[in-house]
Amino acid sequence: MAEVTYYVALPFIRNDEGEFVPGEAQECQTPTAAIRRAQSMAATHAGAIAFSRAGDPKTGEFEPAEVLEKVGEVPAEDALMGYE
């Protein structure tokens, strides 16, 4: 199968201990749509990110995610790798 690129918007909230907790990720059709969706999510959450990830779903091999935009409060970039 050919390589595909997924575009995703992921919101974050803070739990009672003040830690970031990811919300429900939403796949988008384009990078622009993912950025706009993250901006919208940040209005009702602590923050959100838009990112892309390319790879081959058949083999499960993916390149590291590329953060397209961060909006509001989000975890540090090195901590994001655990959510993507």
PDB file of N, CA and C in Angstrom:
ATOM      1  N   MET A   1       0.842  -1.180   0.000  1.00  0.00           N
ATOM      2  CA  MET A   1       0.000   0.000   0.000  1.00  0.00           C
ATOM      3  C   MET A   1       0.885   1.240   0.000  1.00  0.00           C
ATOM      4  N   ALA A   2       0.429   2.270  -0.622  1.00  0.00           N
ATOM      5  CA  ALA A   2       1.177   3.519  -0.697  1.00  0.00           C
ATOM      6  C   ALA A   2       1.129   4.263   0.633  1.00  0.00           C
ATOM      7  N   GLU A   3       2.091   5.124   0.795  1.00  0.00           N
ATOM      8  CA  GLU A   3       2.132   5.950   1.994  1.00  0.00           C
ATOM      9  C   GLU A   3       0.971   6.928   1.983  1.00  0.00           C
ATOM     10  N   VAL A   4       0.366   7.131   3.147  1.00  0.00           N
ATOM     11  CA  VAL A   4      -0.716   8.098   3.296  1.00  0.00           C
ATOM     12  C   VAL A   4      -0.344   9.082   4.390  1.00  0.00           C
ATOM     13  N   THR A   5      -0.956  10.241   4.339  1.00  0.00           N
ATOM     14  CA  THR A   5      -0.748  11.246   5.375  1.00  0.00           C
ATOM     15  C   THR A   5      -2.079  11.526   6.048  1.00  0.00           C
ATOM     16  N   TYR A   6      -2.091  11.434   7.354  1.00  0.00           N
ATOM     17  CA  TYR A   6      -3.271  11.752   8.148  1.00  0.00           C
ATOM     18  C   TYR A   6      -3.087  13.133   8.756  1.00  0.00           C
ATOM     19  N   TYR A   7      -4.163  13.901   8.799  1.00  0.00           N
ATOM     20  CA  TYR A   7      -4.176  15.224   9.435  1.00  0.00           C
ATOM     21  C   TYR A   7      -5.162  15.138  10.592  1.00  0.00           C
ATOM     22  N   VAL A   8      -4.693  15.541  11.770  1.00  0.00           N
ATOM     23  CA  VAL A   8      -5.466  15.316  12.988  1.00  0.00           C
ATOM     24  C   VAL A   8      -5.482  16.571  13.852  1.00  0.00           C
ATOM     25  N   ALA A   9      -6.628  16.813  14.492  1.00  0.00           N
ATOM     26  CA  ALA A   9      -6.754  17.839  15.527  1.00  0.00           C
ATOM     27  C   ALA A   9      -7.004  17.114  16.841  1.00  0.00           C
ATOM     28  N   LEU A  10      -6.273  17.496  17.883  1.00  0.00           N
ATOM     29  CA  LEU A  10      -6.346  16.821  19.180  1.00  0.00           C
ATOM     30  C   LEU A  10      -6.478  17.861  20.292  1.00  0.00           C
ATOM     31  N   PRO A  11      -7.611  17.848  21.022  1.00  0.00           N
ATOM     32  CA  PRO A  11      -7.773  18.803  22.120  1.00  0.00           C
ATOM     33  C   PRO A  11      -7.161  18.278  23.420  1.00  0.00           C
ATOM     34  N   PHE A  12      -6.892  19.182  24.349  1.00  0.00           N
ATOM     35  CA  PHE A  12      -6.391  18.829  25.675  1.00  0.00           C
ATOM     36  C   PHE A  12      -7.195  19.564  26.734  1.00  0.00           C
ATOM     37  N   ILE A  13      -7.438  18.866  27.843  1.00  0.00           N
ATOM     38  CA  ILE A  13      -8.018  19.482  29.028  1.00  0.00           C
ATOM     39  C   ILE A  13      -7.038  19.258  30.172  1.00  0.00           C
ATOM     40  N   ARG A  14      -7.263  19.954  31.268  1.00  0.00           N
ATOM     41  CA  ARG A  14      -6.467  19.711  32.473  1.00  0.00           C
ATOM     42  C   ARG A  14      -7.344  18.953  33.468  1.00  0.00           C
ATOM     43  N   ASN A  15      -6.794  17.873  34.044  1.00  0.00           N
ATOM     44  CA  ASN A  15      -7.552  17.112  35.037  1.00  0.00           C
ATOM     45  C   ASN A  15      -7.459  17.806  36.395  1.00  0.00           C
ATOM     46  N   ASP A  16      -8.022  17.196  37.424  1.00  0.00           N
ATOM     47  CA  ASP A  16      -8.046  17.794  38.760  1.00  0.00           C
ATOM     48  C   ASP A  16      -6.654  18.024  39.337  1.00  0.00           C
ATOM     49  N   GLU A  17      -5.675  17.250  38.868  1.00  0.00           N
ATOM     50  CA  GLU A  17      -4.291  17.414  39.336  1.00  0.00           C
ATOM     51  C   GLU A  17      -3.527  18.437  38.488  1.00  0.00           C
ATOM     52  N   GLY A  18      -4.189  19.017  37.493  1.00  0.00           N
ATOM     53  CA  GLY A  18      -3.537  20.006  36.648  1.00  0.00           C
ATOM     54  C   GLY A  18      -2.753  19.416  35.490  1.00  0.00           C
ATOM     55  N   GLU A  19      -2.850  18.099  35.309  1.00  0.00           N
ATOM     56  CA  GLU A  19      -2.128  17.437  34.218  1.00  0.00           C
ATOM     57  C   GLU A  19      -2.955  17.494  32.935  1.00  0.00           C
ATOM     58  N   PHE A  20      -2.275  17.526  31.799  1.00  0.00           N
ATOM     59  CA  PHE A  20      -2.967  17.516  30.520  1.00  0.00           C
ATOM     60  C   PHE A  20      -3.512  16.124  30.225  1.00  0.00           C
ATOM     61  N   VAL A  21      -4.735  16.095  29.742  1.00  0.00           N
ATOM     62  CA  VAL A  21      -5.381  14.850  29.334  1.00  0.00           C
ATOM     63  C   VAL A  21      -5.901  15.073  27.915  1.00  0.00           C
ATOM     64  N   PRO A  22      -5.568  14.165  26.994  1.00  0.00           N
ATOM     65  CA  PRO A  22      -6.049  14.358  25.624  1.00  0.00           C
ATOM     66  C   PRO A  22      -7.539  14.074  25.514  1.00  0.00           C
ATOM     67  N   GLY A  23      -8.187  14.840  24.656  1.00  0.00           N
ATOM     68  CA  GLY A  23      -9.588  14.596  24.341  1.00  0.00           C
ATOM     69  C   GLY A  23      -9.683  13.687  23.130  1.00  0.00           C
ATOM     70  N   GLU A  24     -10.811  13.745  22.451  1.00  0.00           N
ATOM     71  CA  GLU A  24     -11.033  12.894  21.290  1.00  0.00           C
ATOM     72  C   GLU A  24     -10.401  13.514  20.039  1.00  0.00           C
ATOM     73  N   ALA A  25      -9.490  12.781  19.432  1.00  0.00           N
ATOM     74  CA  ALA A  25      -8.837  13.230  18.201  1.00  0.00           C
ATOM     75  C   ALA A  25      -9.833  13.189  17.049  1.00  0.00           C
ATOM     76  N   GLN A  26      -9.686  14.138  16.140  1.00  0.00           N
ATOM     77  CA  GLN A  26     -10.544  14.171  14.964  1.00  0.00           C
ATOM     78  C   GLN A  26      -9.670  14.237  13.714  1.00  0.00           C
ATOM     79  N   GLU A  27      -9.877  13.282  12.826  1.00  0.00           N
ATOM     80  CA  GLU A  27      -9.145  13.275  11.561  1.00  0.00           C
ATOM     81  C   GLU A  27      -9.759  14.311  10.629  1.00  0.00           C
ATOM     82  N   CYS A  28      -8.901  14.996   9.885  1.00  0.00           N
ATOM     83  CA  CYS A  28      -9.341  16.027   8.951  1.00  0.00           C
ATOM     84  C   CYS A  28      -8.804  15.715   7.553  1.00  0.00           C
ATOM     85  N   GLN A  29      -9.382  16.345   6.547  1.00  0.00           N
ATOM     86  CA  GLN A  29      -9.005  16.062   5.163  1.00  0.00           C
ATOM     87  C   GLN A  29      -7.737  16.775   4.708  1.00  0.00           C
ATOM     88  N   THR A  30      -7.456  17.946   5.286  1.00  0.00           N
ATOM     89  CA  THR A  30      -6.314  18.752   4.847  1.00  0.00           C
ATOM     90  C   THR A  30      -5.596  19.331   6.056  1.00  0.00           C
ATOM     91  N   PRO A  31      -4.370  19.813   5.862  1.00  0.00           N
ATOM     92  CA  PRO A  31      -3.672  20.461   6.978  1.00  0.00           C
ATOM     93  C   PRO A  31      -4.413  21.711   7.451  1.00  0.00           C
ATOM     94  N   THR A  32      -4.961  22.474   6.524  1.00  0.00           N
ATOM     95  CA  THR A  32      -5.696  23.689   6.880  1.00  0.00           C
ATOM     96  C   THR A  32      -6.921  23.346   7.720  1.00  0.00           C
ATOM     97  N   ALA A  33      -7.625  22.291   7.355  1.00  0.00           N
ATOM     98  CA  ALA A  33      -8.801  21.873   8.119  1.00  0.00           C
ATOM     99  C   ALA A  33      -8.405  21.431   9.520  1.00  0.00           C
ATOM    100  N   ALA A  34      -7.279  20.750   9.663  1.00  0.00           N
ATOM    101  CA  ALA A  34      -6.815  20.312  10.982  1.00  0.00           C
ATOM    102  C   ALA A  34      -6.463  21.513  11.857  1.00  0.00           C
ATOM    103  N   ILE A  35      -5.818  22.497  11.278  1.00  0.00           N
ATOM    104  CA  ILE A  35      -5.460  23.713  12.024  1.00  0.00           C
ATOM    105  C   ILE A  35      -6.716  24.452  12.461  1.00  0.00           C
ATOM    106  N   ARG A  36      -7.662  24.621  11.561  1.00  0.00           N
ATOM    107  CA  ARG A  36      -8.912  25.314  11.911  1.00  0.00           C
ATOM    108  C   ARG A  36      -9.685  24.561  12.991  1.00  0.00           C
ATOM    109  N   ARG A  37      -9.689  23.239  12.893  1.00  0.00           N
ATOM    110  CA  ARG A  37     -10.399  22.441  13.897  1.00  0.00           C
ATOM    111  C   ARG A  37      -9.718  22.571  15.255  1.00  0.00           C
ATOM    112  N   ALA A  38      -8.389  22.562  15.289  1.00  0.00           N
ATOM    113  CA  ALA A  38      -7.658  22.743  16.546  1.00  0.00           C
ATOM    114  C   ALA A  38      -7.962  24.116  17.144  1.00  0.00           C
ATOM    115  N   GLN A  39      -8.025  25.137  16.310  1.00  0.00           N
ATOM    116  CA  GLN A  39      -8.362  26.481  16.794  1.00  0.00           C
ATOM    117  C   GLN A  39      -9.752  26.494  17.417  1.00  0.00           C
ATOM    118  N   SER A  40     -10.678  25.812  16.782  1.00  0.00           N
ATOM    119  CA  SER A  40     -12.041  25.723  17.303  1.00  0.00           C
ATOM    120  C   SER A  40     -12.078  24.942  18.620  1.00  0.00           C
ATOM    121  N   MET A  41     -11.340  23.842  18.688  1.00  0.00           N
ATOM    122  CA  MET A  41     -11.293  23.031  19.907  1.00  0.00           C
ATOM    123  C   MET A  41     -10.731  23.818  21.087  1.00  0.00           C
ATOM    124  N   ALA A  42      -9.747  24.662  20.817  1.00  0.00           N
ATOM    125  CA  ALA A  42      -9.093  25.423  21.879  1.00  0.00           C
ATOM    126  C   ALA A  42     -10.049  26.419  22.538  1.00  0.00           C
ATOM    127  N   ALA A  43     -11.128  26.751  21.859  1.00  0.00           N
ATOM    128  CA  ALA A  43     -12.102  27.675  22.439  1.00  0.00           C
ATOM    129  C   ALA A  43     -12.877  27.034  23.590  1.00  0.00           C
ATOM    130  N   THR A  44     -12.955  25.710  23.607  1.00  0.00           N
ATOM    131  CA  THR A  44     -13.716  25.016  24.647  1.00  0.00           C
ATOM    132  C   THR A  44     -12.857  24.044  25.460  1.00  0.00           C
ATOM    133  N   HIS A  45     -11.567  24.018  25.225  1.00  0.00           N
ATOM    134  CA  HIS A  45     -10.628  23.152  25.945  1.00  0.00           C
ATOM    135  C   HIS A  45      -9.444  24.013  26.393  1.00  0.00           C
ATOM    136  N   ALA A  46      -8.535  23.425  27.169  1.00  0.00           N
ATOM    137  CA  ALA A  46      -7.328  24.165  27.581  1.00  0.00           C
ATOM    138  C   ALA A  46      -6.508  24.569  26.363  1.00  0.00           C
ATOM    139  N   GLY A  47      -6.478  23.695  25.373  1.00  0.00           N
ATOM    140  CA  GLY A  47      -5.729  23.946  24.148  1.00  0.00           C
ATOM    141  C   GLY A  47      -5.906  22.783  23.195  1.00  0.00           C
ATOM    142  N   ALA A  48      -5.220  22.868  22.065  1.00  0.00           N
ATOM    143  CA  ALA A  48      -5.309  21.804  21.064  1.00  0.00           C
ATOM    144  C   ALA A  48      -4.096  21.889  20.145  1.00  0.00           C
ATOM    145  N   ILE A  49      -3.826  20.785  19.468  1.00  0.00           N
ATOM    146  CA  ILE A  49      -2.787  20.780  18.449  1.00  0.00           C
ATOM    147  C   ILE A  49      -3.365  20.223  17.159  1.00  0.00           C
ATOM    148  N   ALA A  50      -2.759  20.626  16.073  1.00  0.00           N
ATOM    149  CA  ALA A  50      -3.019  20.026  14.769  1.00  0.00           C
ATOM    150  C   ALA A  50      -1.699  19.391  14.358  1.00  0.00           C
ATOM    151  N   PHE A  51      -1.759  18.160  13.876  1.00  0.00           N
ATOM    152  CA  PHE A  51      -0.535  17.497  13.444  1.00  0.00           C
ATOM    153  C   PHE A  51      -0.808  16.597  12.255  1.00  0.00           C
ATOM    154  N   SER A  52       0.270  16.233  11.579  1.00  0.00           N
ATOM    155  CA  SER A  52       0.169  15.284  10.468  1.00  0.00           C
ATOM    156  C   SER A  52       1.078  14.106  10.772  1.00  0.00           C
ATOM    157  N   ARG A  53       0.732  12.988  10.170  1.00  0.00           N
ATOM    158  CA  ARG A  53       1.545  11.781  10.344  1.00  0.00           C
ATOM    159  C   ARG A  53       1.468  10.980   9.052  1.00  0.00           C
ATOM    160  N   ALA A  54       2.619  10.656   8.488  1.00  0.00           N
ATOM    161  CA  ALA A  54       2.687   9.923   7.226  1.00  0.00           C
ATOM    162  C   ALA A  54       3.233   8.527   7.462  1.00  0.00           C
ATOM    163  N   GLY A  55       2.714   7.582   6.697  1.00  0.00           N
ATOM    164  CA  GLY A  55       3.213   6.225   6.813  1.00  0.00           C
ATOM    165  C   GLY A  55       2.353   5.252   6.045  1.00  0.00           C
ATOM    166  N   ASP A  56       2.626   3.995   6.280  1.00  0.00           N
ATOM    167  CA  ASP A  56       1.923   2.914   5.600  1.00  0.00           C
ATOM    168  C   ASP A  56       1.045   2.183   6.616  1.00  0.00           C
ATOM    169  N   PRO A  57      -0.279   2.378   6.549  1.00  0.00           N
ATOM    170  CA  PRO A  57      -1.151   1.733   7.522  1.00  0.00           C
ATOM    171  C   PRO A  57      -1.112   0.206   7.458  1.00  0.00           C
ATOM    172  N   LYS A  58      -0.792  -0.332   6.309  1.00  0.00           N
ATOM    173  CA  LYS A  58      -0.753  -1.786   6.159  1.00  0.00           C
ATOM    174  C   LYS A  58       0.379  -2.397   6.989  1.00  0.00           C
ATOM    175  N   THR A  59       1.533  -1.750   6.993  1.00  0.00           N
ATOM    176  CA  THR A  59       2.674  -2.268   7.749  1.00  0.00           C
ATOM    177  C   THR A  59       2.748  -1.683   9.159  1.00  0.00           C
ATOM    178  N   GLY A  60       2.037  -0.576   9.388  1.00  0.00           N
ATOM    179  CA  GLY A  60       2.085   0.079  10.685  1.00  0.00           C
ATOM    180  C   GLY A  60       3.314   0.943  10.878  1.00  0.00           C
ATOM    181  N   GLU A  61       4.074   1.153   9.812  1.00  0.00           N
ATOM    182  CA  GLU A  61       5.281   1.987   9.899  1.00  0.00           C
ATOM    183  C   GLU A  61       4.917   3.435   9.582  1.00  0.00           C
ATOM    184  N   PHE A  62       5.154   4.310  10.557  1.00  0.00           N
ATOM    185  CA  PHE A  62       4.847   5.721  10.399  1.00  0.00           C
ATOM    186  C   PHE A  62       6.048   6.574  10.771  1.00  0.00           C
ATOM    187  N   GLU A  63       6.173   7.693  10.102  1.00  0.00           N
ATOM    188  CA  GLU A  63       7.200   8.670  10.445  1.00  0.00           C
ATOM    189  C   GLU A  63       6.742   9.413  11.695  1.00  0.00           C
ATOM    190  N   PRO A  64       7.655  10.085  12.374  1.00  0.00           N
ATOM    191  CA  PRO A  64       7.240  10.886  13.527  1.00  0.00           C
ATOM    192  C   PRO A  64       6.220  11.941  13.105  1.00  0.00           C
ATOM    193  N   ALA A  65       5.329  12.252  14.021  1.00  0.00           N
ATOM    194  CA  ALA A  65       4.306  13.269  13.746  1.00  0.00           C
ATOM    195  C   ALA A  65       4.953  14.638  13.587  1.00  0.00           C
ATOM    196  N   GLU A  66       4.332  15.454  12.749  1.00  0.00           N
ATOM    197  CA  GLU A  66       4.770  16.840  12.558  1.00  0.00           C
ATOM    198  C   GLU A  66       3.679  17.752  13.094  1.00  0.00           C
ATOM    199  N   VAL A  67       4.010  18.544  14.106  1.00  0.00           N
ATOM    200  CA  VAL A  67       3.042  19.473  14.681  1.00  0.00           C
ATOM    201  C   VAL A  67       2.863  20.629  13.708  1.00  0.00           C
ATOM    202  N   LEU A  68       1.610  20.853  13.312  1.00  0.00           N
ATOM    203  CA  LEU A  68       1.285  21.922  12.379  1.00  0.00           C
ATOM    204  C   LEU A  68       0.968  23.223  13.107  1.00  0.00           C
ATOM    205  N   GLU A  69       0.316  23.099  14.259  1.00  0.00           N
ATOM    206  CA  GLU A  69      -0.067  24.286  15.030  1.00  0.00           C
ATOM    207  C   GLU A  69      -0.406  23.878  16.453  1.00  0.00           C
ATOM    208  N   LYS A  70      -0.047  24.737  17.404  1.00  0.00           N
ATOM    209  CA  LYS A  70      -0.437  24.589  18.805  1.00  0.00           C
ATOM    210  C   LYS A  70      -1.289  25.800  19.149  1.00  0.00           C
ATOM    211  N   VAL A  71      -2.407  25.568  19.828  1.00  0.00           N
ATOM    212  CA  VAL A  71      -3.302  26.660  20.205  1.00  0.00           C
ATOM    213  C   VAL A  71      -3.636  26.521  21.684  1.00  0.00           C
ATOM    214  N   GLY A  72      -3.475  27.583  22.444  1.00  0.00           N
ATOM    215  CA  GLY A  72      -3.778  27.546  23.869  1.00  0.00           C
ATOM    216  C   GLY A  72      -2.723  26.767  24.637  1.00  0.00           C
ATOM    217  N   GLU A  73      -3.146  26.175  25.751  1.00  0.00           N
ATOM    218  CA  GLU A  73      -2.240  25.408  26.609  1.00  0.00           C
ATOM    219  C   GLU A  73      -2.183  23.965  26.134  1.00  0.00           C
ATOM    220  N   VAL A  74      -0.985  23.494  25.853  1.00  0.00           N
ATOM    221  CA  VAL A  74      -0.772  22.102  25.442  1.00  0.00           C
ATOM    222  C   VAL A  74       0.489  21.582  26.122  1.00  0.00           C
ATOM    223  N   PRO A  75       0.648  20.262  26.201  1.00  0.00           N
ATOM    224  CA  PRO A  75       1.866  19.718  26.805  1.00  0.00           C
ATOM    225  C   PRO A  75       3.114  20.150  26.034  1.00  0.00           C
ATOM    226  N   ALA A  76       4.262  20.055  26.691  1.00  0.00           N
ATOM    227  CA  ALA A  76       5.534  20.331  26.023  1.00  0.00           C
ATOM    228  C   ALA A  76       5.689  19.382  24.842  1.00  0.00           C
ATOM    229  N   GLU A  77       6.396  19.819  23.820  1.00  0.00           N
ATOM    230  CA  GLU A  77       6.504  19.037  22.587  1.00  0.00           C
ATOM    231  C   GLU A  77       7.039  17.623  22.816  1.00  0.00           C
ATOM    232  N   ASP A  78       8.005  17.444  23.698  1.00  0.00           N
ATOM    233  CA  ASP A  78       8.524  16.087  23.931  1.00  0.00           C
ATOM    234  C   ASP A  78       7.464  15.201  24.581  1.00  0.00           C
ATOM    235  N   ALA A  79       6.561  15.770  25.362  1.00  0.00           N
ATOM    236  CA  ALA A  79       5.478  14.998  25.977  1.00  0.00           C
ATOM    237  C   ALA A  79       4.398  14.648  24.971  1.00  0.00           C
ATOM    238  N   LEU A  80       4.281  15.418  23.901  1.00  0.00           N
ATOM    239  CA  LEU A  80       3.253  15.159  22.883  1.00  0.00           C
ATOM    240  C   LEU A  80       3.412  13.808  22.216  1.00  0.00           C
ATOM    241  N   MET A  81       4.622  13.315  22.109  1.00  0.00           N
ATOM    242  CA  MET A  81       4.846  12.052  21.400  1.00  0.00           C
ATOM    243  C   MET A  81       4.067  10.903  22.018  1.00  0.00           C
ATOM    244  N   GLY A  82       3.753  10.990  23.294  1.00  0.00           N
ATOM    245  CA  GLY A  82       2.970   9.944  23.930  1.00  0.00           C
ATOM    246  C   GLY A  82       1.497   9.976  23.553  1.00  0.00           C
ATOM    247  N   TYR A  83       1.015  11.089  22.995  1.00  0.00           N
ATOM    248  CA  TYR A  83      -0.392  11.230  22.643  1.00  0.00           C
ATOM    249  C   TYR A  83      -0.670  10.949  21.183  1.00  0.00           C
ATOM    250  N   GLU A  84       0.309  11.131  20.331  1.00  0.00           N
ATOM    251  CA  GLU A  84       0.074  11.065  18.902  1.00  0.00           C
ATOM    252  C   GLU A  84       0.030   9.635  18.406  1.00  0.00           C
TER     253      GLU A  84
END
